[in-house]
C-alpha atoms as a PDB file:
ATOM      1  CA  UNK A   1      19.151  42.294 -13.351  1.00  0.00           C
ATOM      2  CA  UNK A   2      18.334  40.601 -16.616  1.00  0.00           C
ATOM      3  CA  UNK A   3      16.778  42.507 -19.460  1.00  0.00           C
ATOM      4  CA  UNK A   4      15.122  39.847 -21.617  1.00  0.00           C
ATOM      5  CA  UNK A   5      12.019  40.211 -23.718  1.00  0.00           C
ATOM      6  CA  UNK A   6       9.780  38.627 -21.058  1.00  0.00           C
ATOM      7  CA  UNK A   7      10.935  41.063 -18.375  1.00  0.00           C
ATOM      8  CA  UNK A   8      10.589  44.007 -20.748  1.00  0.00           C
ATOM      9  CA  UNK A   9       7.060  42.920 -21.721  1.00  0.00           C
ATOM     10  CA  UNK A  10       6.085  42.779 -18.040  1.00  0.00           C
ATOM     11  CA  UNK A  11       7.610  46.205 -17.458  1.00  0.00           C
ATOM     12  CA  UNK A  12       5.711  47.593 -20.456  1.00  0.00           C
ATOM     13  CA  UNK A  13       2.416  46.186 -19.174  1.00  0.00           C
ATOM     14  CA  UNK A  14       3.022  47.725 -15.760  1.00  0.00           C
ATOM     15  CA  UNK A  15       4.034  51.074 -17.272  1.00  0.00           C
ATOM     16  CA  UNK A  16       0.946  51.148 -19.512  1.00  0.00           C
ATOM     17  CA  UNK A  17      -1.269  50.564 -16.460  1.00  0.00           C
ATOM     18  CA  UNK A  18       0.301  53.523 -14.621  1.00  0.00           C
ATOM     19  CA  UNK A  19       0.868  56.009 -17.453  1.00  0.00           C
ATOM     20  CA  UNK A  20      -1.952  57.636 -19.421  1.00  0.00           C
ATOM     21  CA  UNK A  21       0.086  58.863 -22.414  1.00  0.00           C
ATOM     22  CA  UNK A  22       1.664  55.428 -22.860  1.00  0.00           C
ATOM     23  CA  UNK A  23      -1.751  53.775 -22.715  1.00  0.00           C
ATOM     24  CA  UNK A  24      -3.033  56.056 -25.482  1.00  0.00           C
ATOM     25  CA  UNK A  25      -0.493  54.647 -27.956  1.00  0.00           C
ATOM     26  CA  UNK A  26      -0.856  51.325 -29.729  1.00  0.00           C
ATOM     27  CA  UNK A  27       0.688  48.428 -27.810  1.00  0.00           C
ATOM     28  CA  UNK A  28       1.947  46.514 -30.877  1.00  0.00           C
ATOM     29  CA  UNK A  29       4.686  49.033 -31.842  1.00  0.00           C
ATOM     30  CA  UNK A  30       5.663  49.369 -28.176  1.00  0.00           C
ATOM     31  CA  UNK A  31       6.057  45.589 -27.886  1.00  0.00           C
ATOM     32  CA  UNK A  32       8.048  45.543 -31.130  1.00  0.00           C
ATOM     33  CA  UNK A  33      10.483  48.123 -29.724  1.00  0.00           C
ATOM     34  CA  UNK A  34      11.029  46.071 -26.569  1.00  0.00           C
ATOM     35  CA  UNK A  35      11.655  42.899 -28.603  1.00  0.00           C
ATOM     36  CA  UNK A  36      14.107  44.674 -30.916  1.00  0.00           C
ATOM     37  CA  UNK A  37      15.953  46.155 -27.937  1.00  0.00           C
ATOM     38  CA  UNK A  38      16.137  42.770 -26.225  1.00  0.00           C
ATOM     39  CA  UNK A  39      17.422  41.051 -29.368  1.00  0.00           C
ATOM     40  CA  UNK A  40      20.127  43.652 -30.074  1.00  0.00           C
ATOM     41  CA  UNK A  41      21.301  43.654 -26.444  1.00  0.00           C
ATOM     42  CA  UNK A  42      21.467  39.850 -26.361  1.00  0.00           C
ATOM     43  CA  UNK A  43      23.507  39.797 -29.564  1.00  0.00           C
ATOM     44  CA  UNK A  44      25.942  42.377 -28.228  1.00  0.00           C
ATOM     45  CA  UNK A  45      26.423  40.441 -24.980  1.00  0.00           C
ATOM     46  CA  UNK A  46      26.902  37.192 -26.921  1.00  0.00           C
ATOM     47  CA  UNK A  47      29.619  38.794 -29.060  1.00  0.00           C
ATOM     48  CA  UNK A  48      31.358  40.194 -25.961  1.00  0.00           C
ATOM     49  CA  UNK A  49      31.354  36.802 -24.221  1.00  0.00           C
ATOM     50  CA  UNK A  50      32.607  35.080 -27.380  1.00  0.00           C
ATOM     51  CA  UNK A  51      35.564  37.463 -27.577  1.00  0.00           C
ATOM     52  CA  UNK A  52      34.687  38.830 -31.004  1.00  0.00           C
ATOM     53  CA  UNK A  53      37.015  41.724 -31.916  1.00  0.00           C
ATOM     54  CA  UNK A  54      35.528  45.153 -31.139  1.00  0.00           C
ATOM     55  CA  UNK A  55      35.401  46.260 -34.767  1.00  0.00           C
ATOM     56  CA  UNK A  56      33.405  43.155 -35.747  1.00  0.00           C
ATOM     57  CA  UNK A  57      30.970  42.754 -32.875  1.00  0.00           C
ATOM     58  CA  UNK A  58      27.488  44.163 -32.508  1.00  0.00           C
ATOM     59  CA  UNK A  59      27.335  47.235 -30.319  1.00  0.00           C
ATOM     60  CA  UNK A  60      25.011  47.743 -27.388  1.00  0.00           C
ATOM     61  CA  UNK A  61      21.750  49.532 -28.216  1.00  0.00           C
ATOM     62  CA  UNK A  62      21.943  53.306 -27.802  1.00  0.00           C
ATOM     63  CA  UNK A  63      19.467  56.120 -27.533  1.00  0.00           C
ATOM     64  CA  UNK A  64      18.980  58.161 -30.685  1.00  0.00           C
ATOM     65  CA  UNK A  65      19.250  61.884 -30.353  1.00  0.00           C
ATOM     66  CA  UNK A  66      16.033  63.509 -31.421  1.00  0.00           C
ATOM     67  CA  UNK A  67      17.508  65.963 -33.904  1.00  0.00           C
ATOM     68  CA  UNK A  68      20.394  63.863 -35.192  1.00  0.00           C
ATOM     69  CA  UNK A  69      18.720  60.643 -36.322  1.00  0.00           C
ATOM     70  CA  UNK A  70      15.689  59.660 -38.330  1.00  0.00           C
ATOM     71  CA  UNK A  71      12.980  57.845 -36.366  1.00  0.00           C
ATOM     72  CA  UNK A  72      12.755  54.143 -37.128  1.00  0.00           C
ATOM     73  CA  UNK A  73      10.011  51.660 -36.431  1.00  0.00           C
ATOM     74  CA  UNK A  74       9.312  48.295 -37.972  1.00  0.00           C
ATOM     75  CA  UNK A  75       5.653  47.947 -38.867  1.00  0.00           C
ATOM     76  CA  UNK A  76       4.009  44.538 -39.068  1.00  0.00           C
ATOM     77  CA  UNK A  77       0.571  43.541 -40.332  1.00  0.00           C
ATOM     78  CA  UNK A  78      -0.565  42.626 -36.830  1.00  0.00           C
ATOM     79  CA  UNK A  79      -2.429  45.298 -34.899  1.00  0.00           C
ATOM     80  CA  UNK A  80      -3.093  47.763 -37.736  1.00  0.00           C
ATOM     81  CA  UNK A  81      -6.095  48.379 -39.934  1.00  0.00           C
ATOM     82  CA  UNK A  82      -7.234  50.911 -42.499  1.00  0.00           C
ATOM     83  CA  UNK A  83     -10.494  52.712 -41.858  1.00  0.00           C
ATOM     84  CA  UNK A  84     -12.789  53.783 -44.669  1.00  0.00           C
ATOM     85  CA  UNK A  85     -12.516  57.477 -45.433  1.00  0.00           C
ATOM     86  CA  UNK A  86      -9.203  58.084 -43.684  1.00  0.00           C
ATOM     87  CA  UNK A  87      -6.350  59.612 -45.612  1.00  0.00           C
END
């Protein structure tokens, strides 16, 4: 099974339709996460196929442990706005 950005976007859309808590979150950061995952996985596979030495190649994406890593998310201008009176 492939795991490209198009397939992940379709899976996200399907999951948002089925899952209430996922639907409550903003879709833009969720899409960003799927694109970042797809890009890092593709780069790792490209390095493996090219025979890049292990110490130099990009590693496969991994899950972060909740208490051992800081949360990361790349924010873009798209999909966000500031409301008057909010802190």
